[in-house]
């Protein structure tokens, strides 16, 4: 039996080999993800505004009165709901990007 036995492949530490430019690719992926999310938010808000305007125009063309004005409590509830959904809309992609950055 030999006294200077070599360590097996599973016992040797493996140096991490990274390709040159890997950080650039990671940054480009993060930027692309951010741009995609930003464009999606802008498009969704734009479509929502267009639908609201079209609905108002249909109501006016049909000669129907506008819906009853919302009470202060209803407006406050709408504001809280908007803030909640807005925070979720921002927080979920941010958490995903952070998880991606941490796991890379």
PDB file of N, CA and C in Angstrom:
ATOM      1  N   UNK A   1       0.823  -1.171   0.000  1.00  0.00           N
ATOM      2  CA  UNK A   1       0.000   0.000   0.000  1.00  0.00           C
ATOM      3  C   UNK A   1       0.872   1.241   0.000  1.00  0.00           C
ATOM      4  N   UNK A   2       0.495   2.213  -0.767  1.00  0.00           N
ATOM      5  CA  UNK A   2       1.280   3.438  -0.887  1.00  0.00           C
ATOM      6  C   UNK A   2       0.889   4.408   0.210  1.00  0.00           C
ATOM      7  N   UNK A   3       1.873   5.107   0.722  1.00  0.00           N
ATOM      8  CA  UNK A   3       1.595   6.070   1.779  1.00  0.00           C
ATOM      9  C   UNK A   3       1.156   7.424   1.230  1.00  0.00           C
ATOM     10  N   UNK A   4       1.500   7.733   0.044  1.00  0.00           N
ATOM     11  CA  UNK A   4       1.116   9.033  -0.533  1.00  0.00           C
ATOM     12  C   UNK A   4       0.015   8.833  -1.568  1.00  0.00           C
ATOM     13  N   UNK A   5      -1.108   8.374  -1.116  1.00  0.00           N
ATOM     14  CA  UNK A   5      -2.242   8.152  -2.011  1.00  0.00           C
ATOM     15  C   UNK A   5      -2.845   9.497  -2.410  1.00  0.00           C
ATOM     16  N   UNK A   6      -3.247   9.565  -3.649  1.00  0.00           N
ATOM     17  CA  UNK A   6      -3.844  10.794  -4.149  1.00  0.00           C
ATOM     18  C   UNK A   6      -5.303  10.878  -3.709  1.00  0.00           C
ATOM     19  N   UNK A   7      -5.745  12.077  -3.467  1.00  0.00           N
ATOM     20  CA  UNK A   7      -7.144  12.281  -3.096  1.00  0.00           C
ATOM     21  C   UNK A   7      -8.028  12.013  -4.304  1.00  0.00           C
ATOM     22  N   UNK A   8      -9.156  11.410  -4.061  1.00  0.00           N
ATOM     23  CA  UNK A   8     -10.096  11.114  -5.139  1.00  0.00           C
ATOM     24  C   UNK A   8     -10.723  12.390  -5.670  1.00  0.00           C
ATOM     25  N   UNK A   9     -11.399  12.285  -6.781  1.00  0.00           N
ATOM     26  CA  UNK A   9     -11.976  13.487  -7.384  1.00  0.00           C
ATOM     27  C   UNK A   9     -13.009  14.182  -6.495  1.00  0.00           C
ATOM     28  N   UNK A  10     -13.709  13.430  -5.661  1.00  0.00           N
ATOM     29  CA  UNK A  10     -14.712  14.077  -4.826  1.00  0.00           C
ATOM     30  C   UNK A  10     -14.102  14.725  -3.594  1.00  0.00           C
ATOM     31  N   UNK A  11     -12.843  14.424  -3.284  1.00  0.00           N
ATOM     32  CA  UNK A  11     -12.210  14.965  -2.097  1.00  0.00           C
ATOM     33  C   UNK A  11     -11.382  16.210  -2.379  1.00  0.00           C
ATOM     34  N   UNK A  12     -11.054  16.437  -3.623  1.00  0.00           N
ATOM     35  CA  UNK A  12     -10.247  17.606  -3.975  1.00  0.00           C
ATOM     36  C   UNK A  12     -11.127  18.833  -4.140  1.00  0.00           C
ATOM     37  N   UNK A  13     -10.666  19.966  -3.625  1.00  0.00           N
ATOM     38  CA  UNK A  13     -11.444  21.183  -3.882  1.00  0.00           C
ATOM     39  C   UNK A  13     -11.300  21.588  -5.340  1.00  0.00           C
ATOM     40  N   UNK A  14     -12.392  21.976  -5.925  1.00  0.00           N
ATOM     41  CA  UNK A  14     -12.370  22.391  -7.329  1.00  0.00           C
ATOM     42  C   UNK A  14     -12.361  23.906  -7.397  1.00  0.00           C
ATOM     43  N   UNK A  15     -11.375  24.459  -8.070  1.00  0.00           N
ATOM     44  CA  UNK A  15     -11.407  25.915  -8.251  1.00  0.00           C
ATOM     45  C   UNK A  15     -12.571  26.275  -9.174  1.00  0.00           C
ATOM     46  N   UNK A  16     -13.161  27.372  -8.892  1.00  0.00           N
ATOM     47  CA  UNK A  16     -14.292  27.815  -9.698  1.00  0.00           C
ATOM     48  C   UNK A  16     -13.762  28.459 -10.969  1.00  0.00           C
ATOM     49  N   UNK A  17     -14.169  27.897 -12.079  1.00  0.00           N
ATOM     50  CA  UNK A  17     -13.732  28.432 -13.376  1.00  0.00           C
ATOM     51  C   UNK A  17     -14.854  29.263 -13.958  1.00  0.00           C
ATOM     52  N   UNK A  18     -14.619  30.540 -14.074  1.00  0.00           N
ATOM     53  CA  UNK A  18     -15.611  31.418 -14.674  1.00  0.00           C
ATOM     54  C   UNK A  18     -15.097  31.902 -16.010  1.00  0.00           C
ATOM     55  N   UNK A  19     -16.004  31.993 -16.931  1.00  0.00           N
ATOM     56  CA  UNK A  19     -15.626  32.463 -18.248  1.00  0.00           C
ATOM     57  C   UNK A  19     -15.446  33.964 -18.209  1.00  0.00           C
ATOM     58  N   UNK A  20     -14.504  34.473 -18.991  1.00  0.00           N
ATOM     59  CA  UNK A  20     -14.344  35.917 -19.035  1.00  0.00           C
ATOM     60  C   UNK A  20     -15.605  36.558 -19.613  1.00  0.00           C
ATOM     61  N   UNK A  21     -15.983  37.675 -19.033  1.00  0.00           N
ATOM     62  CA  UNK A  21     -17.166  38.378 -19.513  1.00  0.00           C
ATOM     63  C   UNK A  21     -18.453  37.878 -18.896  1.00  0.00           C
ATOM     64  N   UNK A  22     -18.384  36.929 -17.967  1.00  0.00           N
ATOM     65  CA  UNK A  22     -19.586  36.388 -17.334  1.00  0.00           C
ATOM     66  C   UNK A  22     -20.345  37.447 -16.573  1.00  0.00           C
ATOM     67  N   UNK A  23     -19.637  38.373 -15.947  1.00  0.00           N
ATOM     68  CA  UNK A  23     -20.293  39.453 -15.219  1.00  0.00           C
ATOM     69  C   UNK A  23     -21.059  40.371 -16.146  1.00  0.00           C
ATOM     70  N   UNK A  24     -20.535  40.567 -17.341  1.00  0.00           N
ATOM     71  CA  UNK A  24     -21.213  41.406 -18.324  1.00  0.00           C
ATOM     72  C   UNK A  24     -22.519  40.767 -18.759  1.00  0.00           C
ATOM     73  N   UNK A  25     -22.488  39.467 -19.008  1.00  0.00           N
ATOM     74  CA  UNK A  25     -23.697  38.759 -19.422  1.00  0.00           C
ATOM     75  C   UNK A  25     -24.742  38.822 -18.310  1.00  0.00           C
ATOM     76  N   UNK A  26     -24.311  38.608 -17.060  1.00  0.00           N
ATOM     77  CA  UNK A  26     -25.243  38.690 -15.936  1.00  0.00           C
ATOM     78  C   UNK A  26     -25.864  40.079 -15.857  1.00  0.00           C
ATOM     79  N   UNK A  27     -25.057  41.115 -16.038  1.00  0.00           N
ATOM     80  CA  UNK A  27     -25.580  42.474 -15.998  1.00  0.00           C
ATOM     81  C   UNK A  27     -26.565  42.719 -17.134  1.00  0.00           C
ATOM     82  N   UNK A  28     -26.256  42.216 -18.306  1.00  0.00           N
ATOM     83  CA  UNK A  28     -27.167  42.385 -19.439  1.00  0.00           C
ATOM     84  C   UNK A  28     -28.488  41.667 -19.206  1.00  0.00           C
ATOM     85  N   UNK A  29     -28.429  40.499 -18.577  1.00  0.00           N
ATOM     86  CA  UNK A  29     -29.659  39.765 -18.275  1.00  0.00           C
ATOM     87  C   UNK A  29     -30.503  40.560 -17.291  1.00  0.00           C
ATOM     88  N   UNK A  30     -29.879  41.103 -16.255  1.00  0.00           N
ATOM     89  CA  UNK A  30     -30.612  41.897 -15.274  1.00  0.00           C
ATOM     90  C   UNK A  30     -31.214  43.146 -15.903  1.00  0.00           C
ATOM     91  N   UNK A  31     -30.451  43.799 -16.766  1.00  0.00           N
ATOM     92  CA  UNK A  31     -30.952  45.001 -17.449  1.00  0.00           C
ATOM     93  C   UNK A  31     -32.128  44.642 -18.353  1.00  0.00           C
ATOM     94  N   UNK A  32     -32.011  43.524 -19.080  1.00  0.00           N
ATOM     95  CA  UNK A  32     -33.106  43.093 -19.954  1.00  0.00           C
ATOM     96  C   UNK A  32     -34.354  42.770 -19.146  1.00  0.00           C
ATOM     97  N   UNK A  33     -34.179  42.138 -17.996  1.00  0.00           N
ATOM     98  CA  UNK A  33     -35.312  41.832 -17.135  1.00  0.00           C
ATOM     99  C   UNK A  33     -35.969  43.112 -16.634  1.00  0.00           C
ATOM    100  N   UNK A  34     -35.169  44.067 -16.216  1.00  0.00           N
ATOM    101  CA  UNK A  34     -35.694  45.344 -15.739  1.00  0.00           C
ATOM    102  C   UNK A  34     -36.441  46.075 -16.848  1.00  0.00           C
ATOM    103  N   UNK A  35     -35.878  46.119 -18.034  1.00  0.00           N
ATOM    104  CA  UNK A  35     -36.524  46.812 -19.157  1.00  0.00           C
ATOM    105  C   UNK A  35     -37.839  46.121 -19.512  1.00  0.00           C
ATOM    106  N   UNK A  36     -37.861  44.795 -19.514  1.00  0.00           N
ATOM    107  CA  UNK A  36     -39.084  44.064 -19.834  1.00  0.00           C
ATOM    108  C   UNK A  36     -40.179  44.368 -18.816  1.00  0.00           C
ATOM    109  N   UNK A  37     -39.814  44.406 -17.547  1.00  0.00           N
ATOM    110  CA  UNK A  37     -40.791  44.714 -16.503  1.00  0.00           C
ATOM    111  C   UNK A  37     -41.294  46.143 -16.653  1.00  0.00           C
ATOM    112  N   UNK A  38     -40.384  47.074 -16.893  1.00  0.00           N
ATOM    113  CA  UNK A  38     -40.759  48.475 -17.045  1.00  0.00           C
ATOM    114  C   UNK A  38     -41.696  48.667 -18.236  1.00  0.00           C
ATOM    115  N   UNK A  39     -41.379  48.050 -19.363  1.00  0.00           N
ATOM    116  CA  UNK A  39     -42.235  48.167 -20.550  1.00  0.00           C
ATOM    117  C   UNK A  39     -43.610  47.562 -20.269  1.00  0.00           C
ATOM    118  N   UNK A  40     -43.647  46.433 -19.572  1.00  0.00           N
ATOM    119  CA  UNK A  40     -44.925  45.801 -19.245  1.00  0.00           C
ATOM    120  C   UNK A  40     -45.790  46.715 -18.395  1.00  0.00           C
ATOM    121  N   UNK A  41     -45.188  47.351 -17.406  1.00  0.00           N
ATOM    122  CA  UNK A  41     -45.946  48.253 -16.530  1.00  0.00           C
ATOM    123  C   UNK A  41     -46.485  49.437 -17.325  1.00  0.00           C
ATOM    124  N   UNK A  42     -45.660  50.021 -18.162  1.00  0.00           N
ATOM    125  CA  UNK A  42     -46.092  51.172 -18.960  1.00  0.00           C
ATOM    126  C   UNK A  42     -47.222  50.775 -19.908  1.00  0.00           C
ATOM    127  N   UNK A  43     -47.103  49.624 -20.555  1.00  0.00           N
ATOM    128  CA  UNK A  43     -48.144  49.169 -21.486  1.00  0.00           C
ATOM    129  C   UNK A  43     -49.440  48.885 -20.741  1.00  0.00           C
ATOM    130  N   UNK A  44     -49.349  48.228 -19.584  1.00  0.00           N
ATOM    131  CA  UNK A  44     -50.558  47.922 -18.815  1.00  0.00           C
ATOM    132  C   UNK A  44     -51.269  49.189 -18.358  1.00  0.00           C
ATOM    133  N   UNK A  45     -50.524  50.163 -17.883  1.00  0.00           N
ATOM    134  CA  UNK A  45     -51.144  51.416 -17.448  1.00  0.00           C
ATOM    135  C   UNK A  45     -51.765  52.135 -18.638  1.00  0.00           C
ATOM    136  N   UNK A  46     -51.082  52.158 -19.749  1.00  0.00           N
ATOM    137  CA  UNK A  46     -51.621  52.803 -20.949  1.00  0.00           C
ATOM    138  C   UNK A  46     -52.903  52.147 -21.424  1.00  0.00           C
ATOM    139  N   UNK A  47     -52.927  50.818 -21.432  1.00  0.00           N
ATOM    140  CA  UNK A  47     -54.142  50.115 -21.859  1.00  0.00           C
ATOM    141  C   UNK A  47     -55.289  50.368 -20.894  1.00  0.00           C
ATOM    142  N   UNK A  48     -54.990  50.421 -19.595  1.00  0.00           N
ATOM    143  CA  UNK A  48     -56.028  50.684 -18.614  1.00  0.00           C
ATOM    144  C   UNK A  48     -56.642  52.061 -18.840  1.00  0.00           C
ATOM    145  N   UNK A  49     -55.812  53.060 -19.105  1.00  0.00           N
ATOM    146  CA  UNK A  49     -56.320  54.411 -19.350  1.00  0.00           C
ATOM    147  C   UNK A  49     -57.152  54.471 -20.627  1.00  0.00           C
ATOM    148  N   UNK A  50     -56.721  53.774 -21.660  1.00  0.00           N
ATOM    149  CA  UNK A  50     -57.472  53.762 -22.919  1.00  0.00           C
ATOM    150  C   UNK A  50     -58.830  53.099 -22.713  1.00  0.00           C
ATOM    151  N   UNK A  51     -58.856  51.973 -22.005  1.00  0.00           N
ATOM    152  CA  UNK A  51     -60.136  51.291 -21.742  1.00  0.00           C
ATOM    153  C   UNK A  51     -61.078  52.184 -20.945  1.00  0.00           C
ATOM    154  N   UNK A  52     -60.548  52.861 -19.966  1.00  0.00           N
ATOM    155  CA  UNK A  52     -61.391  53.745 -19.144  1.00  0.00           C
ATOM    156  C   UNK A  52     -61.985  54.863 -20.003  1.00  0.00           C
ATOM    157  N   UNK A  53     -61.168  55.446 -20.885  1.00  0.00           N
ATOM    158  CA  UNK A  53     -61.664  56.517 -21.753  1.00  0.00           C
ATOM    159  C   UNK A  53     -62.722  55.983 -22.725  1.00  0.00           C
ATOM    160  N   UNK A  54     -62.472  54.785 -23.290  1.00  0.00           N
ATOM    161  CA  UNK A  54     -63.445  54.195 -24.215  1.00  0.00           C
ATOM    162  C   UNK A  54     -64.761  53.895 -23.500  1.00  0.00           C
ATOM    163  N   UNK A  55     -64.690  53.421 -22.262  1.00  0.00           N
ATOM    164  CA  UNK A  55     -65.896  53.140 -21.512  1.00  0.00           C
ATOM    165  C   UNK A  55     -66.699  54.434 -21.262  1.00  0.00           C
ATOM    166  N   UNK A  56     -65.999  55.487 -20.915  1.00  0.00           N
ATOM    167  CA  UNK A  56     -66.661  56.778 -20.689  1.00  0.00           C
ATOM    168  C   UNK A  56     -67.312  57.268 -21.980  1.00  0.00           C
ATOM    169  N   UNK A  57     -66.616  57.118 -23.106  1.00  0.00           N
ATOM    170  CA  UNK A  57     -67.181  57.551 -24.386  1.00  0.00           C
ATOM    171  C   UNK A  57     -68.422  56.739 -24.756  1.00  0.00           C
ATOM    172  N   UNK A  58     -68.403  55.437 -24.473  1.00  0.00           N
ATOM    173  CA  UNK A  58     -69.576  54.612 -24.755  1.00  0.00           C
ATOM    174  C   UNK A  58     -70.774  55.040 -23.905  1.00  0.00           C
ATOM    175  N   UNK A  59     -70.504  55.344 -22.649  1.00  0.00           N
ATOM    176  CA  UNK A  59     -71.575  55.801 -21.764  1.00  0.00           C
ATOM    177  C   UNK A  59     -72.174  57.102 -22.302  1.00  0.00           C
ATOM    178  N   UNK A  60     -71.315  58.011 -22.720  1.00  0.00           N
ATOM    179  CA  UNK A  60     -71.807  59.294 -23.233  1.00  0.00           C
ATOM    180  C   UNK A  60     -72.558  59.103 -24.546  1.00  0.00           C
ATOM    181  N   UNK A  61     -72.065  58.232 -25.420  1.00  0.00           N
ATOM    182  CA  UNK A  61     -72.723  58.003 -26.712  1.00  0.00           C
ATOM    183  C   UNK A  61     -74.078  57.334 -26.525  1.00  0.00           C
ATOM    184  N   UNK A  62     -74.212  56.502 -25.519  1.00  0.00           N
ATOM    185  CA  UNK A  62     -75.478  55.814 -25.271  1.00  0.00           C
ATOM    186  C   UNK A  62     -76.473  56.703 -24.542  1.00  0.00           C
ATOM    187  N   UNK A  63     -76.064  57.885 -24.141  1.00  0.00           N
ATOM    188  CA  UNK A  63     -76.944  58.802 -23.453  1.00  0.00           C
ATOM    189  C   UNK A  63     -77.208  58.412 -22.009  1.00  0.00           C
ATOM    190  N   UNK A  64     -76.423  57.524 -21.493  1.00  0.00           N
ATOM    191  CA  UNK A  64     -76.587  57.111 -20.107  1.00  0.00           C
ATOM    192  C   UNK A  64     -75.826  58.059 -19.194  1.00  0.00           C
ATOM    193  N   UNK A  65     -76.346  58.275 -18.033  1.00  0.00           N
ATOM    194  CA  UNK A  65     -75.614  59.154 -17.103  1.00  0.00           C
ATOM    195  C   UNK A  65     -74.369  58.445 -16.570  1.00  0.00           C
ATOM    196  N   UNK A  66     -73.463  59.252 -16.145  1.00  0.00           N
ATOM    197  CA  UNK A  66     -72.249  58.696 -15.518  1.00  0.00           C
ATOM    198  C   UNK A  66     -72.650  57.942 -14.256  1.00  0.00           C
ATOM    199  N   UNK A  67     -71.855  56.967 -13.851  1.00  0.00           N
ATOM    200  CA  UNK A  67     -72.142  56.276 -12.598  1.00  0.00           C
ATOM    201  C   UNK A  67     -72.113  57.261 -11.426  1.00  0.00           C
ATOM    202  N   UNK A  68     -72.755  56.868 -10.349  1.00  0.00           N
ATOM    203  CA  UNK A  68     -72.791  57.736  -9.175  1.00  0.00           C
ATOM    204  C   UNK A  68     -71.379  58.020  -8.685  1.00  0.00           C
ATOM    205  N   UNK A  69     -71.141  59.237  -8.215  1.00  0.00           N
ATOM    206  CA  UNK A  69     -69.803  59.541  -7.703  1.00  0.00           C
ATOM    207  C   UNK A  69     -69.493  58.676  -6.481  1.00  0.00           C
ATOM    208  N   UNK A  70     -68.244  58.340  -6.339  1.00  0.00           N
ATOM    209  CA  UNK A  70     -67.824  57.472  -5.239  1.00  0.00           C
ATOM    210  C   UNK A  70     -67.714  58.275  -3.951  1.00  0.00           C
ATOM    211  N   UNK A  71     -68.046  57.607  -2.868  1.00  0.00           N
ATOM    212  CA  UNK A  71     -67.969  58.256  -1.558  1.00  0.00           C
ATOM    213  C   UNK A  71     -66.511  58.358  -1.130  1.00  0.00           C
ATOM    214  N   UNK A  72     -66.274  59.138  -0.082  1.00  0.00           N
ATOM    215  CA  UNK A  72     -64.909  59.301   0.430  1.00  0.00           C
ATOM    216  C   UNK A  72     -64.344  57.970   0.917  1.00  0.00           C
ATOM    217  N   UNK A  73     -65.200  57.143   1.542  1.00  0.00           N
ATOM    218  CA  UNK A  73     -64.729  55.830   2.016  1.00  0.00           C
ATOM    219  C   UNK A  73     -64.342  54.928   0.853  1.00  0.00           C
ATOM    220  N   UNK A  74     -65.148  54.951  -0.209  1.00  0.00           N
ATOM    221  CA  UNK A  74     -64.832  54.137  -1.379  1.00  0.00           C
ATOM    222  C   UNK A  74     -63.539  54.604  -2.037  1.00  0.00           C
ATOM    223  N   UNK A  75     -63.345  55.919  -2.102  1.00  0.00           N
ATOM    224  CA  UNK A  75     -62.100  56.444  -2.677  1.00  0.00           C
ATOM    225  C   UNK A  75     -60.898  56.051  -1.830  1.00  0.00           C
ATOM    226  N   UNK A  76     -61.041  56.088  -0.504  1.00  0.00           N
ATOM    227  CA  UNK A  76     -59.944  55.696   0.381  1.00  0.00           C
ATOM    228  C   UNK A  76     -59.623  54.208   0.216  1.00  0.00           C
ATOM    229  N   UNK A  77     -60.659  53.385   0.095  1.00  0.00           N
ATOM    230  CA  UNK A  77     -60.448  51.952  -0.127  1.00  0.00           C
ATOM    231  C   UNK A  77     -59.747  51.726  -1.467  1.00  0.00           C
ATOM    232  N   UNK A  78     -60.152  52.456  -2.485  1.00  0.00           N
ATOM    233  CA  UNK A  78     -59.507  52.349  -3.798  1.00  0.00           C
ATOM    234  C   UNK A  78     -58.035  52.745  -3.710  1.00  0.00           C
ATOM    235  N   UNK A  79     -57.762  53.800  -2.951  1.00  0.00           N
ATOM    236  CA  UNK A  79     -56.378  54.259  -2.801  1.00  0.00           C
ATOM    237  C   UNK A  79     -55.537  53.201  -2.108  1.00  0.00           C
ATOM    238  N   UNK A  80     -56.061  52.602  -1.041  1.00  0.00           N
ATOM    239  CA  UNK A  80     -55.317  51.558  -0.323  1.00  0.00           C
ATOM    240  C   UNK A  80     -55.081  50.340  -1.208  1.00  0.00           C
ATOM    241  N   UNK A  81     -56.101  49.972  -1.979  1.00  0.00           N
ATOM    242  CA  UNK A  81     -55.963  48.828  -2.890  1.00  0.00           C
ATOM    243  C   UNK A  81     -54.916  49.127  -3.954  1.00  0.00           C
ATOM    244  N   UNK A  82     -54.926  50.338  -4.488  1.00  0.00           N
ATOM    245  CA  UNK A  82     -53.934  50.719  -5.503  1.00  0.00           C
ATOM    246  C   UNK A  82     -52.524  50.686  -4.941  1.00  0.00           C
ATOM    247  N   UNK A  83     -52.361  51.184  -3.729  1.00  0.00           N
ATOM    248  CA  UNK A  83     -51.030  51.174  -3.107  1.00  0.00           C
ATOM    249  C   UNK A  83     -50.557  49.743  -2.896  1.00  0.00           C
ATOM    250  N   UNK A  84     -51.457  48.877  -2.419  1.00  0.00           N
ATOM    251  CA  UNK A  84     -51.090  47.473  -2.188  1.00  0.00           C
ATOM    252  C   UNK A  84     -50.651  46.807  -3.484  1.00  0.00           C
ATOM    253  N   UNK A  85     -51.465  46.932  -4.535  1.00  0.00           N
ATOM    254  CA  UNK A  85     -51.120  46.309  -5.808  1.00  0.00           C
ATOM    255  C   UNK A  85     -49.874  46.943  -6.431  1.00  0.00           C
ATOM    256  N   UNK A  86     -49.715  48.241  -6.270  1.00  0.00           N
ATOM    257  CA  UNK A  86     -48.517  48.899  -6.793  1.00  0.00           C
ATOM    258  C   UNK A  86     -47.258  48.399  -6.104  1.00  0.00           C
ATOM    259  N   UNK A  87     -47.325  48.261  -4.788  1.00  0.00           N
ATOM    260  CA  UNK A  87     -46.170  47.734  -4.050  1.00  0.00           C
ATOM    261  C   UNK A  87     -45.853  46.306  -4.483  1.00  0.00           C
ATOM    262  N   UNK A  88     -46.895  45.484  -4.643  1.00  0.00           N
ATOM    263  CA  UNK A  88     -46.664  44.112  -5.103  1.00  0.00           C
ATOM    264  C   UNK A  88     -46.083  44.095  -6.508  1.00  0.00           C
ATOM    265  N   UNK A  89     -46.578  44.979  -7.352  1.00  0.00           N
ATOM    266  CA  UNK A  89     -46.092  45.044  -8.728  1.00  0.00           C
ATOM    267  C   UNK A  89     -44.616  45.400  -8.781  1.00  0.00           C
ATOM    268  N   UNK A  90     -44.169  46.210  -7.855  1.00  0.00           N
ATOM    269  CA  UNK A  90     -42.758  46.596  -7.796  1.00  0.00           C
ATOM    270  C   UNK A  90     -41.946  45.566  -7.015  1.00  0.00           C
ATOM    271  N   UNK A  91     -42.497  45.078  -5.902  1.00  0.00           N
ATOM    272  CA  UNK A  91     -41.731  44.212  -4.995  1.00  0.00           C
ATOM    273  C   UNK A  91     -41.426  42.848  -5.599  1.00  0.00           C
ATOM    274  N   UNK A  92     -42.375  42.246  -6.292  1.00  0.00           N
ATOM    275  CA  UNK A  92     -42.153  40.901  -6.821  1.00  0.00           C
ATOM    276  C   UNK A  92     -40.991  40.874  -7.819  1.00  0.00           C
ATOM    277  N   UNK A  93     -40.952  41.744  -8.837  1.00  0.00           N
ATOM    278  CA  UNK A  93     -39.795  41.718  -9.737  1.00  0.00           C
ATOM    279  C   UNK A  93     -38.483  42.058  -9.027  1.00  0.00           C
ATOM    280  N   UNK A  94     -38.522  42.982  -8.060  1.00  0.00           N
ATOM    281  CA  UNK A  94     -37.299  43.336  -7.335  1.00  0.00           C
ATOM    282  C   UNK A  94     -36.782  42.126  -6.566  1.00  0.00           C
ATOM    283  N   UNK A  95     -37.679  41.404  -5.910  1.00  0.00           N
ATOM    284  CA  UNK A  95     -37.264  40.202  -5.173  1.00  0.00           C
ATOM    285  C   UNK A  95     -36.698  39.159  -6.133  1.00  0.00           C
ATOM    286  N   UNK A  96     -37.334  38.987  -7.279  1.00  0.00           N
ATOM    287  CA  UNK A  96     -36.821  38.026  -8.258  1.00  0.00           C
ATOM    288  C   UNK A  96     -35.430  38.414  -8.752  1.00  0.00           C
ATOM    289  N   UNK A  97     -35.233  39.686  -9.022  1.00  0.00           N
ATOM    290  CA  UNK A  97     -33.913  40.143  -9.479  1.00  0.00           C
ATOM    291  C   UNK A  97     -32.876  39.954  -8.379  1.00  0.00           C
ATOM    292  N   UNK A  98     -33.233  40.269  -7.142  1.00  0.00           N
ATOM    293  CA  UNK A  98     -32.295  40.073  -6.030  1.00  0.00           C
ATOM    294  C   UNK A  98     -31.961  38.594  -5.844  1.00  0.00           C
ATOM    295  N   UNK A  99     -32.966  37.732  -5.928  1.00  0.00           N
ATOM    296  CA  UNK A  99     -32.699  36.302  -5.830  1.00  0.00           C
ATOM    297  C   UNK A  99     -31.779  35.833  -6.952  1.00  0.00           C
ATOM    298  N   UNK A 100     -32.018  36.335  -8.147  1.00  0.00           N
ATOM    299  CA  UNK A 100     -31.160  35.987  -9.267  1.00  0.00           C
ATOM    300  C   UNK A 100     -29.727  36.444  -9.010  1.00  0.00           C
ATOM    301  N   UNK A 101     -29.578  37.674  -8.535  1.00  0.00           N
ATOM    302  CA  UNK A 101     -28.234  38.213  -8.295  1.00  0.00           C
ATOM    303  C   UNK A 101     -27.524  37.446  -7.178  1.00  0.00           C
ATOM    304  N   UNK A 102     -28.253  37.063  -6.148  1.00  0.00           N
ATOM    305  CA  UNK A 102     -27.633  36.346  -5.031  1.00  0.00           C
ATOM    306  C   UNK A 102     -27.230  34.940  -5.447  1.00  0.00           C
ATOM    307  N   UNK A 103     -28.048  34.284  -6.246  1.00  0.00           N
ATOM    308  CA  UNK A 103     -27.741  32.906  -6.631  1.00  0.00           C
ATOM    309  C   UNK A 103     -26.723  32.806  -7.742  1.00  0.00           C
ATOM    310  N   UNK A 104     -26.386  33.882  -8.376  1.00  0.00           N
ATOM    311  CA  UNK A 104     -25.365  33.847  -9.437  1.00  0.00           C
ATOM    312  C   UNK A 104     -24.045  33.929  -8.757  1.00  0.00           C
TER     313      UNK A 104
END
